[in-house]
Amino acid sequence: MTTKANEEIGFSLRQSVASLTDERGENVFGAVSTTSDAKRDWSAALDLVREASEAIRIRDERATEMEIEHRLDAERASEEIRALQEQLDETEVRLAESEARARRAETRASEAEAWLAKMHDAIIGSFGRVIEENRTSGDSEADVDIDTDAQVEADLRAAFLTSEERPAE
């Protein structure tokens, strides 16, 4: 809308200036005449000045509106940046807490593995002696098969059952 008004003002100004030249093309804008045509030209010029001032006023108002809109946009962007920064800070805190929990869990897992290894060694050591006693007491070495996982498990079960049947020493 403002562009159309500006174009109309420019067109009117060009027509007015063109009408103020004589046949030879000389500018007679500065010539003052007492005729009614000159008064009409001056009133047209005053109308154009009024229109131009109105267009300038409209442009100023629009510029003021745009400035207010830009300030509001900047404030909204600033608020959003502030909110995102707070969210980022909270996320960093949660990340640090999660990393600390992960380190504690790794420590507990390492300790559990160490205890599991100790228990394994104790079980193998205790039942290993029982298995050896069973092997040496009943069968000759020629009859003993090569141990497989299933055989070891079976031997451990047998040793466990045998140890339950024995009275405590």
N, C-alpha and C. Protein backbone atom coordinates (compact mmCIF):
# COMPACT_ATOMS: atom_id res chain seq x y z
N MET A 1 0.83 -1.18 0.00
CA MET A 1 0.00 0.00 0.00
C MET A 1 0.87 1.24 0.00
N THR A 2 1.90 1.23 0.80
CA THR A 2 2.81 2.37 0.87
C THR A 2 3.53 2.56 -0.45
N THR A 3 3.90 1.48 -1.11
CA THR A 3 4.60 1.57 -2.39
C THR A 3 3.69 2.19 -3.44
N LYS A 4 2.43 1.81 -3.46
CA LYS A 4 1.49 2.38 -4.44
C LYS A 4 1.32 3.88 -4.21
N ALA A 5 1.20 4.27 -2.93
CA ALA A 5 1.06 5.69 -2.61
C ALA A 5 2.31 6.46 -3.05
N ASN A 6 3.48 5.88 -2.83
CA ASN A 6 4.73 6.52 -3.24
C ASN A 6 4.80 6.68 -4.75
N GLU A 7 4.35 5.67 -5.47
CA GLU A 7 4.37 5.75 -6.93
C GLU A 7 3.41 6.84 -7.43
N GLU A 8 2.25 6.93 -6.80
CA GLU A 8 1.29 7.96 -7.20
C GLU A 8 1.84 9.35 -6.93
N ILE A 9 2.49 9.52 -5.79
CA ILE A 9 3.08 10.83 -5.46
C ILE A 9 4.17 11.18 -6.46
N GLY A 10 5.02 10.23 -6.77
CA GLY A 10 6.09 10.48 -7.73
C GLY A 10 5.54 10.84 -9.10
N PHE A 11 4.51 10.13 -9.54
CA PHE A 11 3.90 10.41 -10.84
C PHE A 11 3.29 11.81 -10.85
N SER A 12 2.59 12.18 -9.77
CA SER A 12 1.98 13.50 -9.69
C SER A 12 3.05 14.60 -9.70
N LEU A 13 4.14 14.37 -8.98
CA LEU A 13 5.22 15.37 -8.96
C LEU A 13 5.84 15.54 -10.34
N ARG A 14 6.05 14.42 -11.05
CA ARG A 14 6.63 14.51 -12.40
C ARG A 14 5.70 15.28 -13.34
N GLN A 15 4.40 15.03 -13.23
CA GLN A 15 3.45 15.76 -14.07
C GLN A 15 3.46 17.24 -13.76
N SER A 16 3.52 17.57 -12.48
CA SER A 16 3.51 18.99 -12.09
C SER A 16 4.76 19.69 -12.60
N VAL A 17 5.90 19.08 -12.45
CA VAL A 17 7.14 19.71 -12.90
C VAL A 17 7.13 19.82 -14.42
N ALA A 18 6.64 18.82 -15.10
CA ALA A 18 6.58 18.86 -16.56
C ALA A 18 5.65 19.96 -17.04
N SER A 19 4.58 20.19 -16.31
CA SER A 19 3.63 21.23 -16.73
C SER A 19 4.18 22.62 -16.46
N LEU A 20 5.22 22.74 -15.67
CA LEU A 20 5.79 24.04 -15.36
C LEU A 20 6.92 24.43 -16.32
N THR A 21 7.08 23.76 -17.43
CA THR A 21 8.07 24.14 -18.45
C THR A 21 7.33 24.75 -19.63
N ASP A 22 7.97 25.68 -20.29
CA ASP A 22 7.32 26.31 -21.44
C ASP A 22 7.61 25.53 -22.71
N GLU A 23 7.24 26.09 -23.86
CA GLU A 23 7.39 25.39 -25.12
C GLU A 23 8.84 25.10 -25.46
N ARG A 24 9.75 25.95 -25.04
CA ARG A 24 11.16 25.76 -25.33
C ARG A 24 11.81 24.76 -24.39
N GLY A 25 11.09 24.27 -23.38
CA GLY A 25 11.64 23.31 -22.45
C GLY A 25 12.33 23.96 -21.27
N GLU A 26 12.21 25.27 -21.16
CA GLU A 26 12.84 25.95 -20.03
C GLU A 26 11.93 25.85 -18.83
N ASN A 27 12.57 25.73 -17.70
CA ASN A 27 11.84 25.59 -16.46
C ASN A 27 11.33 26.94 -16.01
N VAL A 28 10.06 27.04 -15.81
CA VAL A 28 9.47 28.29 -15.36
C VAL A 28 8.92 28.14 -13.94
N PHE A 29 9.43 27.14 -13.23
CA PHE A 29 8.96 26.85 -11.88
C PHE A 29 9.13 28.05 -10.95
N GLY A 30 10.19 28.79 -11.13
CA GLY A 30 10.46 29.92 -10.26
C GLY A 30 9.70 31.18 -10.66
N ALA A 31 9.06 31.16 -11.81
CA ALA A 31 8.34 32.36 -12.26
C ALA A 31 7.05 32.52 -11.48
N VAL A 32 6.80 33.72 -11.02
CA VAL A 32 5.58 34.01 -10.26
C VAL A 32 4.63 34.75 -11.19
N SER A 33 3.42 34.30 -11.22
CA SER A 33 2.43 34.92 -12.09
C SER A 33 1.20 35.21 -11.25
N THR A 34 0.49 36.22 -11.65
CA THR A 34 -0.70 36.60 -10.91
C THR A 34 -1.95 36.05 -11.54
N THR A 35 -1.80 35.25 -12.57
CA THR A 35 -2.97 34.70 -13.24
C THR A 35 -3.58 33.58 -12.41
N SER A 36 -4.81 33.24 -12.78
CA SER A 36 -5.50 32.17 -12.05
C SER A 36 -4.86 30.81 -12.31
N ASP A 37 -4.22 30.63 -13.51
CA ASP A 37 -3.54 29.37 -13.80
C ASP A 37 -2.37 29.16 -12.85
N ALA A 38 -1.66 30.20 -12.56
CA ALA A 38 -0.52 30.08 -11.65
C ALA A 38 -1.00 29.72 -10.25
N LYS A 39 -2.12 30.34 -9.85
CA LYS A 39 -2.67 30.01 -8.53
C LYS A 39 -3.08 28.54 -8.48
N ARG A 40 -3.64 28.09 -9.59
CA ARG A 40 -4.05 26.69 -9.65
C ARG A 40 -2.83 25.79 -9.58
N ASP A 41 -1.75 26.15 -10.25
CA ASP A 41 -0.52 25.36 -10.21
C ASP A 41 0.06 25.33 -8.81
N TRP A 42 0.03 26.48 -8.13
CA TRP A 42 0.56 26.52 -6.77
C TRP A 42 -0.32 25.70 -5.82
N SER A 43 -1.60 25.74 -6.02
CA SER A 43 -2.47 24.94 -5.15
C SER A 43 -2.25 23.44 -5.42
N ALA A 44 -2.01 23.09 -6.67
CA ALA A 44 -1.70 21.69 -7.00
C ALA A 44 -0.38 21.29 -6.36
N ALA A 45 0.59 22.23 -6.39
CA ALA A 45 1.88 21.94 -5.76
C ALA A 45 1.71 21.76 -4.26
N LEU A 46 0.88 22.61 -3.66
CA LEU A 46 0.61 22.48 -2.22
C LEU A 46 -0.08 21.15 -1.91
N ASP A 47 -1.00 20.75 -2.79
CA ASP A 47 -1.65 19.44 -2.61
C ASP A 47 -0.63 18.32 -2.68
N LEU A 48 0.31 18.44 -3.63
CA LEU A 48 1.36 17.42 -3.74
C LEU A 48 2.26 17.40 -2.51
N VAL A 49 2.56 18.59 -1.98
CA VAL A 49 3.37 18.65 -0.76
C VAL A 49 2.62 17.99 0.39
N ARG A 50 1.30 18.26 0.49
CA ARG A 50 0.50 17.63 1.53
C ARG A 50 0.50 16.11 1.37
N GLU A 51 0.33 15.66 0.14
CA GLU A 51 0.34 14.21 -0.12
C GLU A 51 1.70 13.61 0.23
N ALA A 52 2.75 14.32 -0.16
CA ALA A 52 4.10 13.82 0.15
C ALA A 52 4.32 13.77 1.66
N SER A 53 3.85 14.81 2.37
CA SER A 53 4.03 14.80 3.83
C SER A 53 3.21 13.69 4.45
N GLU A 54 2.04 13.42 3.90
CA GLU A 54 1.21 12.31 4.40
C GLU A 54 1.92 10.98 4.15
N ALA A 55 2.49 10.82 2.97
CA ALA A 55 3.23 9.59 2.66
C ALA A 55 4.42 9.43 3.60
N ILE A 56 5.13 10.54 3.88
CA ILE A 56 6.26 10.48 4.81
C ILE A 56 5.78 10.11 6.20
N ARG A 57 4.65 10.70 6.62
CA ARG A 57 4.09 10.39 7.94
C ARG A 57 3.72 8.90 8.03
N ILE A 58 3.10 8.38 6.96
CA ILE A 58 2.72 6.96 6.92
C ILE A 58 3.96 6.08 7.00
N ARG A 59 5.00 6.47 6.25
CA ARG A 59 6.27 5.72 6.29
C ARG A 59 6.88 5.74 7.68
N ASP A 60 6.86 6.90 8.33
CA ASP A 60 7.39 7.01 9.69
C ASP A 60 6.62 6.12 10.66
N GLU A 61 5.28 6.13 10.51
CA GLU A 61 4.47 5.27 11.37
C GLU A 61 4.81 3.80 11.14
N ARG A 62 4.93 3.43 9.88
CA ARG A 62 5.27 2.03 9.56
C ARG A 62 6.66 1.69 10.09
N ALA A 63 7.60 2.61 9.96
CA ALA A 63 8.95 2.37 10.49
C ALA A 63 8.90 2.19 12.00
N THR A 64 8.08 3.01 12.68
CA THR A 64 7.93 2.89 14.13
C THR A 64 7.31 1.54 14.47
N GLU A 65 6.28 1.13 13.73
CA GLU A 65 5.65 -0.18 13.96
C GLU A 65 6.66 -1.30 13.76
N MET A 66 7.45 -1.21 12.70
CA MET A 66 8.46 -2.24 12.42
C MET A 66 9.51 -2.28 13.52
N GLU A 67 9.90 -1.11 14.00
CA GLU A 67 10.89 -1.05 15.08
C GLU A 67 10.34 -1.73 16.34
N ILE A 68 9.07 -1.48 16.65
CA ILE A 68 8.45 -2.11 17.81
C ILE A 68 8.39 -3.63 17.61
N GLU A 69 7.99 -4.05 16.40
CA GLU A 69 7.95 -5.49 16.10
C GLU A 69 9.33 -6.12 16.26
N HIS A 70 10.36 -5.46 15.77
CA HIS A 70 11.72 -5.99 15.87
C HIS A 70 12.18 -6.06 17.32
N ARG A 71 11.82 -5.06 18.11
CA ARG A 71 12.17 -5.10 19.54
C ARG A 71 11.48 -6.27 20.23
N LEU A 72 10.19 -6.48 19.90
CA LEU A 72 9.47 -7.61 20.48
C LEU A 72 10.08 -8.94 20.05
N ASP A 73 10.45 -9.03 18.77
CA ASP A 73 11.11 -10.24 18.28
C ASP A 73 12.43 -10.47 19.00
N ALA A 74 13.20 -9.39 19.21
CA ALA A 74 14.48 -9.51 19.92
C ALA A 74 14.27 -9.95 21.35
N GLU A 75 13.23 -9.43 22.00
CA GLU A 75 12.94 -9.83 23.38
C GLU A 75 12.53 -11.30 23.44
N ARG A 76 11.68 -11.71 22.48
CA ARG A 76 11.27 -13.13 22.44
C ARG A 76 12.48 -14.02 22.20
N ALA A 77 13.34 -13.63 21.29
CA ALA A 77 14.54 -14.42 21.00
C ALA A 77 15.44 -14.48 22.23
N SER A 78 15.57 -13.37 22.93
CA SER A 78 16.38 -13.33 24.14
C SER A 78 15.80 -14.26 25.21
N GLU A 79 14.48 -14.24 25.36
CA GLU A 79 13.81 -15.13 26.32
C GLU A 79 14.05 -16.59 25.94
N GLU A 80 13.93 -16.88 24.66
CA GLU A 80 14.12 -18.25 24.20
C GLU A 80 15.57 -18.69 24.42
N ILE A 81 16.51 -17.82 24.15
CA ILE A 81 17.92 -18.13 24.39
C ILE A 81 18.15 -18.40 25.87
N ARG A 82 17.57 -17.57 26.72
CA ARG A 82 17.71 -17.75 28.16
C ARG A 82 17.13 -19.10 28.59
N ALA A 83 15.94 -19.45 28.09
CA ALA A 83 15.30 -20.73 28.43
C ALA A 83 16.13 -21.90 27.93
N LEU A 84 16.65 -21.80 26.72
CA LEU A 84 17.48 -22.87 26.18
C LEU A 84 18.78 -23.01 26.96
N GLN A 85 19.35 -21.90 27.42
CA GLN A 85 20.58 -21.96 28.22
C GLN A 85 20.31 -22.66 29.54
N GLU A 86 19.16 -22.35 30.16
CA GLU A 86 18.80 -23.03 31.41
C GLU A 86 18.62 -24.53 31.17
N GLN A 87 17.97 -24.86 30.08
CA GLN A 87 17.76 -26.27 29.74
C GLN A 87 19.10 -26.97 29.51
N LEU A 88 20.00 -26.29 28.83
CA LEU A 88 21.33 -26.84 28.59
C LEU A 88 22.07 -27.06 29.91
N ASP A 89 22.00 -26.08 30.80
CA ASP A 89 22.66 -26.21 32.11
C ASP A 89 22.10 -27.40 32.89
N GLU A 90 20.76 -27.55 32.88
CA GLU A 90 20.14 -28.68 33.58
C GLU A 90 20.57 -30.00 32.96
N THR A 91 20.66 -30.03 31.65
CA THR A 91 21.08 -31.25 30.95
C THR A 91 22.52 -31.59 31.29
N GLU A 92 23.38 -30.59 31.37
CA GLU A 92 24.78 -30.84 31.73
C GLU A 92 24.88 -31.39 33.15
N VAL A 93 24.06 -30.88 34.07
CA VAL A 93 24.07 -31.38 35.45
C VAL A 93 23.61 -32.83 35.46
N ARG A 94 22.52 -33.12 34.73
CA ARG A 94 22.03 -34.51 34.68
C ARG A 94 23.07 -35.43 34.04
N LEU A 95 23.78 -34.94 33.04
CA LEU A 95 24.83 -35.74 32.40
C LEU A 95 25.94 -36.06 33.39
N ALA A 96 26.35 -35.06 34.15
CA ALA A 96 27.41 -35.28 35.14
C ALA A 96 26.95 -36.30 36.19
N GLU A 97 25.69 -36.19 36.63
CA GLU A 97 25.16 -37.15 37.59
C GLU A 97 25.12 -38.55 37.00
N SER A 98 24.71 -38.67 35.76
CA SER A 98 24.66 -39.97 35.08
C SER A 98 26.05 -40.57 34.95
N GLU A 99 27.01 -39.74 34.60
CA GLU A 99 28.39 -40.23 34.48
C GLU A 99 28.90 -40.72 35.83
N ALA A 100 28.57 -40.01 36.90
CA ALA A 100 28.99 -40.43 38.24
C ALA A 100 28.33 -41.77 38.60
N ARG A 101 27.04 -41.91 38.30
CA ARG A 101 26.36 -43.19 38.56
C ARG A 101 26.99 -44.31 37.75
N ALA A 102 27.34 -44.03 36.51
CA ALA A 102 27.97 -45.06 35.66
C ALA A 102 29.32 -45.47 36.23
N ARG A 103 30.11 -44.50 36.73
CA ARG A 103 31.40 -44.84 37.35
C ARG A 103 31.20 -45.71 38.59
N ARG A 104 30.19 -45.34 39.41
CA ARG A 104 29.91 -46.15 40.62
C ARG A 104 29.48 -47.56 40.23
N ALA A 105 28.65 -47.68 39.19
CA ALA A 105 28.20 -49.00 38.73
C ALA A 105 29.37 -49.82 38.21
N GLU A 106 30.29 -49.18 37.49
CA GLU A 106 31.48 -49.90 37.00
C GLU A 106 32.33 -50.38 38.16
N THR A 107 32.45 -49.55 39.19
CA THR A 107 33.23 -49.95 40.38
C THR A 107 32.57 -51.15 41.05
N ARG A 108 31.24 -51.09 41.23
CA ARG A 108 30.53 -52.21 41.84
C ARG A 108 30.67 -53.47 41.00
N ALA A 109 30.59 -53.34 39.68
CA ALA A 109 30.73 -54.50 38.80
C ALA A 109 32.13 -55.10 38.91
N SER A 110 33.13 -54.24 38.98
CA SER A 110 34.50 -54.75 39.15
C SER A 110 34.65 -55.49 40.47
N GLU A 111 34.09 -54.92 41.54
CA GLU A 111 34.15 -55.59 42.84
C GLU A 111 33.40 -56.92 42.80
N ALA A 112 32.24 -56.96 42.15
CA ALA A 112 31.47 -58.20 42.04
C ALA A 112 32.23 -59.25 41.25
N GLU A 113 32.89 -58.81 40.18
CA GLU A 113 33.71 -59.75 39.40
C GLU A 113 34.84 -60.32 40.24
N ALA A 114 35.47 -59.47 41.05
CA ALA A 114 36.56 -59.94 41.91
C ALA A 114 36.04 -60.97 42.92
N TRP A 115 34.88 -60.67 43.54
CA TRP A 115 34.30 -61.63 44.47
C TRP A 115 33.89 -62.91 43.77
N LEU A 116 33.35 -62.81 42.57
CA LEU A 116 32.96 -63.99 41.81
C LEU A 116 34.19 -64.85 41.50
N ALA A 117 35.28 -64.20 41.15
CA ALA A 117 36.52 -64.95 40.89
C ALA A 117 37.00 -65.65 42.15
N LYS A 118 36.93 -64.95 43.32
CA LYS A 118 37.32 -65.58 44.59
C LYS A 118 36.43 -66.77 44.90
N MET A 119 35.12 -66.61 44.68
CA MET A 119 34.20 -67.71 44.95
C MET A 119 34.48 -68.88 44.01
N HIS A 120 34.75 -68.56 42.75
CA HIS A 120 35.07 -69.61 41.78
C HIS A 120 36.31 -70.37 42.22
N ASP A 121 37.33 -69.64 42.59
CA ASP A 121 38.58 -70.29 43.04
C ASP A 121 38.33 -71.14 44.27
N ALA A 122 37.52 -70.64 45.21
CA ALA A 122 37.23 -71.41 46.42
C ALA A 122 36.45 -72.67 46.10
N ILE A 123 35.47 -72.56 45.23
CA ILE A 123 34.67 -73.73 44.87
C ILE A 123 35.52 -74.74 44.14
N ILE A 124 36.25 -74.29 43.16
CA ILE A 124 37.11 -75.22 42.41
C ILE A 124 38.14 -75.86 43.34
N GLY A 125 38.71 -75.05 44.23
CA GLY A 125 39.71 -75.61 45.16
C GLY A 125 39.10 -76.63 46.10
N SER A 126 37.95 -76.34 46.65
CA SER A 126 37.31 -77.26 47.60
C SER A 126 36.81 -78.51 46.92
N PHE A 127 36.07 -78.34 45.85
CA PHE A 127 35.52 -79.51 45.19
C PHE A 127 36.55 -80.23 44.33
N GLY A 128 37.58 -79.51 43.93
CA GLY A 128 38.64 -80.16 43.15
C GLY A 128 39.31 -81.26 43.96
N ARG A 129 39.52 -80.99 45.22
CA ARG A 129 40.13 -82.02 46.09
C ARG A 129 39.19 -83.21 46.22
N VAL A 130 37.90 -82.96 46.36
CA VAL A 130 36.92 -84.05 46.49
C VAL A 130 36.88 -84.87 45.22
N ILE A 131 36.91 -84.21 44.07
CA ILE A 131 36.89 -84.92 42.79
C ILE A 131 38.13 -85.78 42.67
N GLU A 132 39.28 -85.25 43.02
CA GLU A 132 40.53 -86.01 42.94
C GLU A 132 40.48 -87.22 43.88
N GLU A 133 39.91 -87.02 45.06
CA GLU A 133 39.80 -88.15 45.98
C GLU A 133 38.91 -89.23 45.40
N ASN A 134 37.80 -88.83 44.78
CA ASN A 134 36.89 -89.81 44.17
C ASN A 134 37.56 -90.53 43.02
N ARG A 135 38.33 -89.84 42.24
CA ARG A 135 38.99 -90.44 41.08
C ARG A 135 40.07 -91.42 41.54
N THR A 136 40.82 -91.02 42.51
CA THR A 136 41.93 -91.89 42.94
C THR A 136 41.44 -93.07 43.77
N SER A 137 40.34 -92.93 44.42
CA SER A 137 39.87 -94.03 45.26
C SER A 137 39.17 -95.10 44.47
N GLY A 138 38.49 -94.77 43.37
CA GLY A 138 37.69 -95.77 42.69
C GLY A 138 38.24 -96.27 41.39
N ASP A 139 38.71 -95.46 40.56
CA ASP A 139 39.08 -95.87 39.20
C ASP A 139 40.57 -95.76 38.99
N SER A 140 41.05 -96.55 38.06
CA SER A 140 42.46 -96.43 37.69
C SER A 140 42.59 -95.30 36.70
N GLU A 141 43.80 -94.85 36.50
CA GLU A 141 44.02 -93.71 35.61
C GLU A 141 43.69 -94.05 34.16
N ALA A 142 43.74 -95.26 33.78
CA ALA A 142 43.43 -95.65 32.40
C ALA A 142 41.95 -95.52 32.11
N ASP A 143 41.13 -95.65 33.14
CA ASP A 143 39.69 -95.59 32.92
C ASP A 143 39.15 -94.16 32.93
N VAL A 144 39.95 -93.17 33.36
CA VAL A 144 39.47 -91.80 33.46
C VAL A 144 39.46 -91.17 32.06
N ASP A 145 38.29 -90.66 31.66
CA ASP A 145 38.15 -89.99 30.36
C ASP A 145 38.68 -88.57 30.45
N ILE A 146 38.92 -87.98 29.30
CA ILE A 146 39.35 -86.58 29.24
C ILE A 146 38.17 -85.73 29.69
N ASP A 147 38.44 -84.76 30.60
CA ASP A 147 37.38 -83.94 31.16
C ASP A 147 36.81 -82.98 30.12
N THR A 148 35.54 -82.96 30.06
CA THR A 148 34.84 -81.95 29.27
C THR A 148 34.05 -81.09 30.24
N ASP A 149 33.45 -80.02 29.76
CA ASP A 149 32.66 -79.16 30.63
C ASP A 149 31.53 -79.93 31.28
N ALA A 150 30.88 -80.78 30.51
CA ALA A 150 29.78 -81.57 31.07
C ALA A 150 30.31 -82.54 32.13
N GLN A 151 31.47 -83.11 31.87
CA GLN A 151 32.07 -84.05 32.82
C GLN A 151 32.47 -83.33 34.10
N VAL A 152 33.03 -82.15 33.96
CA VAL A 152 33.44 -81.38 35.13
C VAL A 152 32.21 -81.02 35.95
N GLU A 153 31.12 -80.60 35.27
CA GLU A 153 29.90 -80.26 35.98
C GLU A 153 29.34 -81.49 36.70
N ALA A 154 29.35 -82.62 36.02
CA ALA A 154 28.86 -83.86 36.65
C ALA A 154 29.72 -84.23 37.85
N ASP A 155 31.03 -84.08 37.71
CA ASP A 155 31.94 -84.40 38.82
C ASP A 155 31.69 -83.47 40.00
N LEU A 156 31.46 -82.19 39.72
CA LEU A 156 31.19 -81.23 40.79
C LEU A 156 29.89 -81.56 41.51
N ARG A 157 28.86 -81.95 40.75
CA ARG A 157 27.60 -82.33 41.38
C ARG A 157 27.78 -83.57 42.25
N ALA A 158 28.48 -84.53 41.72
CA ALA A 158 28.71 -85.76 42.48
C ALA A 158 29.51 -85.46 43.74
N ALA A 159 30.51 -84.58 43.62
CA ALA A 159 31.32 -84.23 44.78
C ALA A 159 30.48 -83.48 45.80
N PHE A 160 29.59 -82.64 45.32
CA PHE A 160 28.73 -81.89 46.22
C PHE A 160 27.79 -82.85 46.97
N LEU A 161 27.20 -83.76 46.22
CA LEU A 161 26.31 -84.73 46.86
C LEU A 161 27.08 -85.63 47.83
N THR A 162 28.28 -86.01 47.49
CA THR A 162 29.10 -86.85 48.34
C THR A 162 29.47 -86.09 49.61
N SER A 163 29.78 -84.79 49.44
CA SER A 163 30.18 -83.99 50.61
C SER A 163 29.00 -83.78 51.55
N GLU A 164 27.78 -83.77 51.03
CA GLU A 164 26.62 -83.63 51.90
C GLU A 164 26.38 -84.90 52.68
N GLU A 165 26.70 -86.03 52.08
CA GLU A 165 26.48 -87.31 52.74
C GLU A 165 27.51 -87.56 53.84
N ARG A 166 28.71 -87.01 53.72
CA ARG A 166 29.77 -87.21 54.70
C ARG A 166 29.46 -86.42 55.96
N PRO A 167 29.79 -86.96 57.08
CA PRO A 167 29.65 -86.18 58.31
C PRO A 167 30.73 -85.10 58.35
N ALA A 168 30.42 -84.00 58.97
CA ALA A 168 31.37 -82.89 59.07
C ALA A 168 32.56 -83.32 59.88
N GLU A 169 33.77 -83.00 59.43
CA GLU A 169 35.00 -83.40 60.10
C GLU A 169 35.46 -82.41 61.10
